[in-house]
Amino acid sequence: MKIASVATGRLLLCPLSVEGAERVVAREAGGEDRWAEGYPGDGDVRSATGFLRGVAERGDPGVFRPYEIRVDGVTVGGIGFHGPPDATGVVTVGYGLLPAARGKGYASEALRALLEVARVAGVAGVKGDADLDNAASHRVMEAAGMPCVAVSETLRHFYRAF
């Protein structure tokens, strides 16, 4: 299934294919891949591994997959869904950028675009969480329109209903 890339003002979110995910897991760029130094990070590898496992178990998830975040054609991080919507119609998101790409508003811009993908796909809501001490990630979710809805011993939980 071919999923369209999502363009924002400064970014291109490119949906990860099975082949692309396999390259990320192997940490071996191929084809037209242009990766910034340090990509993929451990989080990108975990995301790609989970995506491959989900495809093997449930089939192609459509738009509910990981996306590479590209700036000027170069991948600087990733963002995506942890899988298809749950029984209540809610999806979970995660994201990460290389240190050199942080602090420029890219994560919030990418998250706003991904929230729109979820809304158009008809989900009931989108959730995410971040460690209590990860103030930067808290700001990303809040800037993208996901307010904090709960705090546990270790995490702040964010949610956007549609």
N, C-alpha and C. Protein backbone atom coordinates (compact mmCIF):
# COMPACT_ATOMS: atom_id res chain seq x y z
N MET A 1 0.85 -1.17 0.00
CA MET A 1 0.00 0.00 0.00
C MET A 1 0.90 1.24 0.00
N LYS A 2 0.66 2.14 -0.91
CA LYS A 2 1.44 3.38 -1.00
C LYS A 2 0.75 4.47 -0.20
N ILE A 3 1.46 4.98 0.81
CA ILE A 3 0.95 6.04 1.66
C ILE A 3 1.66 7.33 1.25
N ALA A 4 0.92 8.40 1.13
CA ALA A 4 1.49 9.67 0.70
C ALA A 4 2.33 10.30 1.80
N SER A 5 3.38 11.00 1.37
CA SER A 5 4.16 11.82 2.29
C SER A 5 3.32 13.01 2.71
N VAL A 6 3.68 13.61 3.84
CA VAL A 6 2.96 14.76 4.37
C VAL A 6 3.93 15.94 4.42
N ALA A 7 3.59 17.01 3.71
CA ALA A 7 4.44 18.19 3.69
C ALA A 7 3.92 19.24 4.66
N THR A 8 4.84 19.89 5.35
CA THR A 8 4.52 21.04 6.19
C THR A 8 5.31 22.22 5.62
N GLY A 9 5.33 23.31 6.33
CA GLY A 9 6.07 24.47 5.85
C GLY A 9 7.56 24.21 5.66
N ARG A 10 8.15 23.40 6.55
CA ARG A 10 9.59 23.16 6.49
C ARG A 10 9.99 21.70 6.40
N LEU A 11 9.04 20.81 6.57
CA LEU A 11 9.36 19.39 6.71
C LEU A 11 8.62 18.54 5.69
N LEU A 12 9.15 17.34 5.50
CA LEU A 12 8.44 16.31 4.76
C LEU A 12 8.44 15.07 5.64
N LEU A 13 7.23 14.57 5.95
CA LEU A 13 7.09 13.33 6.71
C LEU A 13 6.90 12.21 5.70
N CYS A 14 7.89 11.33 5.63
CA CYS A 14 7.87 10.25 4.64
C CYS A 14 7.52 8.94 5.32
N PRO A 15 6.41 8.31 4.88
CA PRO A 15 5.98 7.06 5.51
C PRO A 15 7.02 5.96 5.33
N LEU A 16 7.28 5.24 6.38
CA LEU A 16 8.25 4.16 6.34
C LEU A 16 7.61 2.93 5.70
N SER A 17 8.28 2.39 4.71
CA SER A 17 7.86 1.13 4.08
C SER A 17 8.51 -0.02 4.83
N VAL A 18 8.09 -1.23 4.53
CA VAL A 18 8.73 -2.40 5.13
C VAL A 18 10.21 -2.40 4.79
N GLU A 19 10.54 -2.14 3.52
CA GLU A 19 11.94 -2.13 3.10
C GLU A 19 12.72 -1.03 3.82
N GLY A 20 12.12 0.14 3.94
CA GLY A 20 12.77 1.23 4.66
C GLY A 20 12.98 0.90 6.12
N ALA A 21 11.98 0.28 6.74
CA ALA A 21 12.09 -0.12 8.15
C ALA A 21 13.21 -1.14 8.33
N GLU A 22 13.33 -2.06 7.38
CA GLU A 22 14.41 -3.05 7.46
C GLU A 22 15.78 -2.37 7.38
N ARG A 23 15.90 -1.33 6.55
CA ARG A 23 17.17 -0.58 6.47
C ARG A 23 17.45 0.16 7.77
N VAL A 24 16.40 0.74 8.37
CA VAL A 24 16.58 1.43 9.64
C VAL A 24 17.05 0.45 10.71
N VAL A 25 16.41 -0.71 10.81
CA VAL A 25 16.79 -1.71 11.80
C VAL A 25 18.24 -2.15 11.59
N ALA A 26 18.63 -2.31 10.33
CA ALA A 26 20.01 -2.72 10.01
C ALA A 26 20.99 -1.55 10.10
N ARG A 27 20.43 -0.32 10.22
CA ARG A 27 21.24 0.91 10.24
C ARG A 27 22.10 1.02 8.99
N GLU A 28 21.50 0.66 7.85
CA GLU A 28 22.21 0.70 6.56
C GLU A 28 21.35 1.45 5.55
N ALA A 29 21.74 2.67 5.25
CA ALA A 29 21.03 3.46 4.25
C ALA A 29 21.16 2.78 2.89
N GLY A 30 20.15 2.96 2.07
CA GLY A 30 20.17 2.39 0.74
C GLY A 30 19.30 3.21 -0.18
N GLY A 31 19.40 2.95 -1.47
CA GLY A 31 18.55 3.64 -2.43
C GLY A 31 18.71 5.14 -2.35
N GLU A 32 17.60 5.82 -2.16
CA GLU A 32 17.61 7.28 -2.11
C GLU A 32 17.71 7.83 -0.70
N ASP A 33 17.97 6.98 0.30
CA ASP A 33 18.07 7.43 1.69
C ASP A 33 19.17 8.48 1.83
N ARG A 34 18.83 9.58 2.46
CA ARG A 34 19.81 10.59 2.86
C ARG A 34 19.60 10.82 4.35
N TRP A 35 20.49 10.25 5.16
CA TRP A 35 20.36 10.31 6.60
C TRP A 35 21.39 11.26 7.18
N ALA A 36 20.95 12.12 8.09
CA ALA A 36 21.88 12.96 8.84
C ALA A 36 22.73 12.07 9.72
N GLU A 37 23.92 12.56 10.06
CA GLU A 37 24.80 11.79 10.92
C GLU A 37 24.11 11.51 12.25
N GLY A 38 24.14 10.24 12.64
CA GLY A 38 23.50 9.84 13.89
C GLY A 38 22.13 9.21 13.70
N TYR A 39 21.59 9.29 12.49
CA TYR A 39 20.31 8.65 12.21
C TYR A 39 20.59 7.28 11.61
N PRO A 40 19.87 6.25 11.97
CA PRO A 40 18.78 6.21 12.94
C PRO A 40 19.31 6.07 14.36
N GLY A 41 18.59 6.68 15.28
CA GLY A 41 18.89 6.51 16.70
C GLY A 41 18.22 5.27 17.24
N ASP A 42 18.48 4.97 18.49
CA ASP A 42 17.90 3.77 19.11
C ASP A 42 16.37 3.80 19.07
N GLY A 43 15.77 4.98 19.29
CA GLY A 43 14.31 5.09 19.24
C GLY A 43 13.77 4.80 17.85
N ASP A 44 14.50 5.24 16.82
CA ASP A 44 14.07 4.97 15.45
C ASP A 44 14.12 3.47 15.16
N VAL A 45 15.16 2.81 15.65
CA VAL A 45 15.29 1.36 15.46
C VAL A 45 14.16 0.63 16.19
N ARG A 46 13.85 1.05 17.42
CA ARG A 46 12.74 0.42 18.16
C ARG A 46 11.42 0.61 17.41
N SER A 47 11.19 1.82 16.91
CA SER A 47 9.96 2.10 16.18
C SER A 47 9.85 1.25 14.93
N ALA A 48 10.94 1.17 14.17
CA ALA A 48 10.93 0.36 12.93
C ALA A 48 10.74 -1.12 13.25
N THR A 49 11.34 -1.58 14.33
CA THR A 49 11.19 -2.98 14.73
C THR A 49 9.73 -3.27 15.10
N GLY A 50 9.11 -2.37 15.86
CA GLY A 50 7.70 -2.53 16.22
C GLY A 50 6.80 -2.50 15.00
N PHE A 51 7.11 -1.62 14.06
CA PHE A 51 6.35 -1.55 12.82
C PHE A 51 6.43 -2.87 12.05
N LEU A 52 7.64 -3.40 11.91
CA LEU A 52 7.81 -4.68 11.20
C LEU A 52 7.07 -5.80 11.90
N ARG A 53 7.12 -5.83 13.23
CA ARG A 53 6.40 -6.86 13.98
C ARG A 53 4.90 -6.73 13.75
N GLY A 54 4.38 -5.49 13.79
CA GLY A 54 2.96 -5.25 13.57
C GLY A 54 2.51 -5.66 12.18
N VAL A 55 3.33 -5.37 11.17
CA VAL A 55 2.99 -5.77 9.79
C VAL A 55 2.92 -7.29 9.70
N ALA A 56 3.88 -7.96 10.33
CA ALA A 56 3.89 -9.43 10.29
C ALA A 56 2.67 -10.02 11.00
N GLU A 57 2.24 -9.39 12.10
CA GLU A 57 1.13 -9.93 12.88
C GLU A 57 -0.25 -9.51 12.37
N ARG A 58 -0.38 -8.24 11.92
CA ARG A 58 -1.70 -7.70 11.59
C ARG A 58 -1.85 -7.21 10.15
N GLY A 59 -0.74 -7.16 9.41
CA GLY A 59 -0.79 -6.62 8.05
C GLY A 59 -0.45 -5.14 8.04
N ASP A 60 -0.54 -4.55 6.87
CA ASP A 60 -0.17 -3.14 6.69
C ASP A 60 -1.11 -2.24 7.49
N PRO A 61 -0.57 -1.30 8.27
CA PRO A 61 -1.41 -0.45 9.11
C PRO A 61 -1.92 0.81 8.41
N GLY A 62 -1.72 0.92 7.12
CA GLY A 62 -2.15 2.13 6.42
C GLY A 62 -1.38 3.34 6.92
N VAL A 63 -2.07 4.42 7.22
CA VAL A 63 -1.38 5.64 7.66
C VAL A 63 -0.80 5.52 9.07
N PHE A 64 -1.20 4.51 9.82
CA PHE A 64 -0.79 4.37 11.22
C PHE A 64 0.55 3.66 11.33
N ARG A 65 1.58 4.35 10.88
CA ARG A 65 2.93 3.80 10.76
C ARG A 65 3.94 4.86 11.17
N PRO A 66 5.23 4.51 11.22
CA PRO A 66 6.26 5.51 11.45
C PRO A 66 6.53 6.32 10.17
N TYR A 67 7.01 7.54 10.37
CA TYR A 67 7.38 8.44 9.28
C TYR A 67 8.76 9.00 9.58
N GLU A 68 9.59 9.13 8.55
CA GLU A 68 10.86 9.82 8.70
C GLU A 68 10.60 11.32 8.61
N ILE A 69 11.25 12.10 9.45
CA ILE A 69 11.16 13.56 9.40
C ILE A 69 12.34 14.04 8.58
N ARG A 70 12.05 14.69 7.47
CA ARG A 70 13.12 15.17 6.59
C ARG A 70 13.11 16.69 6.50
N VAL A 71 14.30 17.24 6.56
CA VAL A 71 14.53 18.67 6.37
C VAL A 71 15.45 18.79 5.16
N ASP A 72 15.01 19.50 4.14
CA ASP A 72 15.79 19.64 2.90
C ASP A 72 16.23 18.28 2.36
N GLY A 73 15.35 17.28 2.45
CA GLY A 73 15.60 15.96 1.90
C GLY A 73 16.44 15.04 2.77
N VAL A 74 16.87 15.52 3.92
CA VAL A 74 17.73 14.72 4.80
C VAL A 74 16.93 14.30 6.04
N THR A 75 16.96 13.02 6.38
CA THR A 75 16.23 12.52 7.54
C THR A 75 16.96 12.90 8.83
N VAL A 76 16.22 13.61 9.71
CA VAL A 76 16.78 14.10 10.97
C VAL A 76 16.07 13.50 12.19
N GLY A 77 15.12 12.61 11.96
CA GLY A 77 14.39 11.99 13.06
C GLY A 77 13.19 11.24 12.56
N GLY A 78 12.36 10.84 13.52
CA GLY A 78 11.17 10.09 13.17
C GLY A 78 10.00 10.47 14.04
N ILE A 79 8.82 10.18 13.51
CA ILE A 79 7.57 10.41 14.22
C ILE A 79 6.60 9.36 13.72
N GLY A 80 5.65 8.99 14.52
CA GLY A 80 4.68 8.04 14.00
C GLY A 80 3.76 7.49 15.06
N PHE A 81 2.92 6.60 14.59
CA PHE A 81 1.94 5.92 15.42
C PHE A 81 2.53 4.61 15.91
N HIS A 82 2.16 4.22 17.10
CA HIS A 82 2.63 2.95 17.65
C HIS A 82 1.83 1.77 17.11
N GLY A 83 0.89 2.04 16.23
CA GLY A 83 0.06 1.00 15.65
C GLY A 83 -1.29 1.59 15.30
N PRO A 84 -2.20 0.74 14.85
CA PRO A 84 -3.54 1.22 14.51
C PRO A 84 -4.32 1.63 15.75
N PRO A 85 -5.46 2.28 15.57
CA PRO A 85 -6.28 2.69 16.73
C PRO A 85 -6.68 1.49 17.59
N ASP A 86 -6.79 1.74 18.89
CA ASP A 86 -7.25 0.69 19.80
C ASP A 86 -8.77 0.55 19.70
N ALA A 87 -9.34 -0.26 20.57
CA ALA A 87 -10.79 -0.53 20.52
C ALA A 87 -11.64 0.72 20.74
N THR A 88 -11.07 1.75 21.37
CA THR A 88 -11.81 2.99 21.59
C THR A 88 -11.56 4.03 20.50
N GLY A 89 -10.76 3.65 19.49
CA GLY A 89 -10.48 4.57 18.39
C GLY A 89 -9.35 5.55 18.66
N VAL A 90 -8.50 5.24 19.65
CA VAL A 90 -7.40 6.12 20.03
C VAL A 90 -6.07 5.54 19.55
N VAL A 91 -5.19 6.40 19.05
CA VAL A 91 -3.85 6.00 18.63
C VAL A 91 -2.82 6.67 19.54
N THR A 92 -1.66 6.05 19.63
CA THR A 92 -0.55 6.58 20.41
C THR A 92 0.54 7.05 19.46
N VAL A 93 1.14 8.21 19.77
CA VAL A 93 2.21 8.75 18.94
C VAL A 93 3.51 8.79 19.72
N GLY A 94 4.59 8.80 18.96
CA GLY A 94 5.93 8.98 19.51
C GLY A 94 6.77 9.70 18.48
N TYR A 95 7.87 10.30 18.92
CA TYR A 95 8.73 11.06 18.01
C TYR A 95 10.10 11.22 18.63
N GLY A 96 11.05 11.55 17.79
CA GLY A 96 12.40 11.83 18.25
C GLY A 96 13.19 12.51 17.14
N LEU A 97 14.05 13.41 17.54
CA LEU A 97 14.91 14.12 16.60
C LEU A 97 16.37 13.96 17.02
N LEU A 98 17.25 14.02 16.05
CA LEU A 98 18.68 14.06 16.35
C LEU A 98 18.97 15.33 17.15
N PRO A 99 19.94 15.31 18.05
CA PRO A 99 20.24 16.50 18.85
C PRO A 99 20.44 17.76 18.01
N ALA A 100 21.08 17.67 16.87
CA ALA A 100 21.34 18.85 16.03
C ALA A 100 20.07 19.45 15.47
N ALA A 101 18.97 18.68 15.43
CA ALA A 101 17.71 19.17 14.85
C ALA A 101 16.74 19.66 15.92
N ARG A 102 17.11 19.55 17.17
CA ARG A 102 16.22 19.95 18.27
C ARG A 102 16.24 21.47 18.47
N GLY A 103 15.17 21.97 19.08
CA GLY A 103 15.10 23.38 19.43
C GLY A 103 14.73 24.30 18.28
N LYS A 104 14.27 23.73 17.18
CA LYS A 104 13.92 24.51 15.99
C LYS A 104 12.42 24.46 15.69
N GLY A 105 11.66 23.78 16.55
CA GLY A 105 10.23 23.66 16.33
C GLY A 105 9.83 22.54 15.38
N TYR A 106 10.78 21.74 14.94
CA TYR A 106 10.48 20.66 14.00
C TYR A 106 9.54 19.62 14.59
N ALA A 107 9.78 19.23 15.84
CA ALA A 107 8.95 18.18 16.44
C ALA A 107 7.50 18.62 16.57
N SER A 108 7.26 19.86 17.01
CA SER A 108 5.87 20.35 17.11
C SER A 108 5.23 20.45 15.74
N GLU A 109 5.98 20.91 14.76
CA GLU A 109 5.47 21.02 13.38
C GLU A 109 5.10 19.64 12.84
N ALA A 110 5.98 18.68 13.06
CA ALA A 110 5.71 17.31 12.60
C ALA A 110 4.52 16.71 13.33
N LEU A 111 4.42 16.95 14.64
CA LEU A 111 3.32 16.40 15.42
C LEU A 111 1.99 17.01 14.99
N ARG A 112 1.95 18.32 14.72
CA ARG A 112 0.70 18.93 14.23
C ARG A 112 0.26 18.26 12.93
N ALA A 113 1.21 17.98 12.04
CA ALA A 113 0.88 17.32 10.77
C ALA A 113 0.37 15.91 11.01
N LEU A 114 0.99 15.19 11.94
CA LEU A 114 0.56 13.82 12.22
C LEU A 114 -0.81 13.80 12.88
N LEU A 115 -1.09 14.80 13.71
CA LEU A 115 -2.44 14.89 14.31
C LEU A 115 -3.49 15.07 13.22
N GLU A 116 -3.17 15.83 12.20
CA GLU A 116 -4.10 16.01 11.09
C GLU A 116 -4.29 14.71 10.32
N VAL A 117 -3.24 13.94 10.13
CA VAL A 117 -3.35 12.62 9.49
C VAL A 117 -4.33 11.76 10.30
N ALA A 118 -4.17 11.76 11.62
CA ALA A 118 -5.05 10.97 12.48
C ALA A 118 -6.50 11.45 12.40
N ARG A 119 -6.69 12.76 12.43
CA ARG A 119 -8.05 13.32 12.37
C ARG A 119 -8.73 12.93 11.07
N VAL A 120 -8.03 13.09 9.95
CA VAL A 120 -8.60 12.75 8.65
C VAL A 120 -8.90 11.25 8.57
N ALA A 121 -8.08 10.44 9.21
CA ALA A 121 -8.30 8.98 9.21
C ALA A 121 -9.46 8.56 10.10
N GLY A 122 -10.01 9.51 10.88
CA GLY A 122 -11.21 9.23 11.65
C GLY A 122 -11.02 8.70 13.05
N VAL A 123 -9.84 8.90 13.64
CA VAL A 123 -9.64 8.41 15.00
C VAL A 123 -10.42 9.27 15.99
N ALA A 124 -10.67 8.70 17.16
CA ALA A 124 -11.36 9.44 18.22
C ALA A 124 -10.41 10.38 18.95
N GLY A 125 -9.14 9.99 19.02
CA GLY A 125 -8.17 10.81 19.73
C GLY A 125 -6.76 10.28 19.57
N VAL A 126 -5.82 11.10 20.02
CA VAL A 126 -4.40 10.77 19.96
C VAL A 126 -3.80 11.00 21.33
N LYS A 127 -3.02 10.02 21.80
CA LYS A 127 -2.37 10.16 23.10
C LYS A 127 -0.86 10.01 22.95
N GLY A 128 -0.17 10.58 23.92
CA GLY A 128 1.27 10.46 23.99
C GLY A 128 1.69 10.67 25.43
N ASP A 129 2.92 10.31 25.75
CA ASP A 129 3.42 10.55 27.10
C ASP A 129 4.91 10.86 27.03
N ALA A 130 5.41 11.42 28.11
CA ALA A 130 6.83 11.75 28.22
C ALA A 130 7.23 11.67 29.69
N ASP A 131 8.48 11.31 29.91
CA ASP A 131 9.01 11.27 31.26
C ASP A 131 8.79 12.61 31.96
N LEU A 132 8.63 12.58 33.27
CA LEU A 132 8.38 13.79 34.04
C LEU A 132 9.44 14.87 33.81
N ASP A 133 10.68 14.46 33.65
CA ASP A 133 11.77 15.43 33.50
C ASP A 133 12.03 15.84 32.05
N ASN A 134 11.20 15.41 31.11
CA ASN A 134 11.40 15.74 29.70
C ASN A 134 10.55 16.95 29.32
N ALA A 135 10.93 18.11 29.85
CA ALA A 135 10.16 19.34 29.62
C ALA A 135 10.07 19.70 28.14
N ALA A 136 11.11 19.40 27.37
CA ALA A 136 11.08 19.71 25.94
C ALA A 136 9.95 18.94 25.24
N SER A 137 9.79 17.68 25.57
CA SER A 137 8.73 16.89 24.96
C SER A 137 7.36 17.35 25.43
N HIS A 138 7.26 17.78 26.68
CA HIS A 138 5.99 18.34 27.18
C HIS A 138 5.62 19.55 26.33
N ARG A 139 6.59 20.43 26.06
CA ARG A 139 6.33 21.63 25.26
C ARG A 139 5.93 21.26 23.83
N VAL A 140 6.54 20.22 23.27
CA VAL A 140 6.21 19.78 21.91
C VAL A 140 4.73 19.41 21.84
N MET A 141 4.29 18.56 22.74
CA MET A 141 2.90 18.10 22.69
C MET A 141 1.93 19.23 22.96
N GLU A 142 2.24 20.08 23.93
CA GLU A 142 1.36 21.20 24.21
C GLU A 142 1.30 22.17 23.03
N ALA A 143 2.43 22.43 22.39
CA ALA A 143 2.47 23.34 21.23
C ALA A 143 1.69 22.78 20.05
N ALA A 144 1.61 21.45 19.99
CA ALA A 144 0.87 20.81 18.89
C ALA A 144 -0.62 20.66 19.21
N GLY A 145 -1.04 21.08 20.39
CA GLY A 145 -2.46 21.00 20.73
C GLY A 145 -2.87 19.78 21.51
N MET A 146 -1.90 19.16 22.20
CA MET A 146 -2.18 18.00 23.05
C MET A 146 -1.93 18.40 24.50
N PRO A 147 -2.96 18.80 25.23
CA PRO A 147 -2.75 19.20 26.62
C PRO A 147 -2.45 18.01 27.53
N CYS A 148 -1.76 18.30 28.61
CA CYS A 148 -1.51 17.28 29.63
C CYS A 148 -2.84 16.96 30.32
N VAL A 149 -3.15 15.67 30.40
CA VAL A 149 -4.42 15.26 31.00
C VAL A 149 -4.24 14.45 32.28
N ALA A 150 -3.01 14.00 32.54
CA ALA A 150 -2.76 13.23 33.75
C ALA A 150 -1.25 13.17 34.00
N VAL A 151 -0.92 12.93 35.27
CA VAL A 151 0.48 12.77 35.66
C VAL A 151 0.56 11.54 36.55
N SER A 152 1.47 10.63 36.22
CA SER A 152 1.69 9.44 37.04
C SER A 152 3.02 9.62 37.78
N GLU A 153 3.48 8.57 38.41
CA GLU A 153 4.74 8.66 39.15
C GLU A 153 5.93 8.95 38.25
N THR A 154 5.85 8.52 36.99
CA THR A 154 7.01 8.67 36.09
C THR A 154 6.72 9.43 34.80
N LEU A 155 5.43 9.61 34.45
CA LEU A 155 5.08 10.17 33.14
C LEU A 155 4.05 11.29 33.23
N ARG A 156 4.11 12.18 32.25
CA ARG A 156 3.03 13.12 31.98
C ARG A 156 2.31 12.58 30.75
N HIS A 157 0.98 12.55 30.79
CA HIS A 157 0.16 12.00 29.72
C HIS A 157 -0.57 13.14 29.01
N PHE A 158 -0.55 13.09 27.68
CA PHE A 158 -1.13 14.12 26.85
C PHE A 158 -2.19 13.49 25.95
N TYR A 159 -3.22 14.27 25.60
CA TYR A 159 -4.30 13.71 24.79
C TYR A 159 -4.98 14.81 23.97
N ARG A 160 -5.33 14.45 22.75
CA ARG A 160 -6.09 15.33 21.87
C ARG A 160 -7.27 14.54 21.34
N ALA A 161 -8.49 14.99 21.66
CA ALA A 161 -9.71 14.34 21.18
C ALA A 161 -10.14 15.00 19.88
N PHE A 162 -10.81 14.23 19.04
CA PHE A 162 -11.37 14.76 17.79
C PHE A 162 -12.87 14.57 17.80
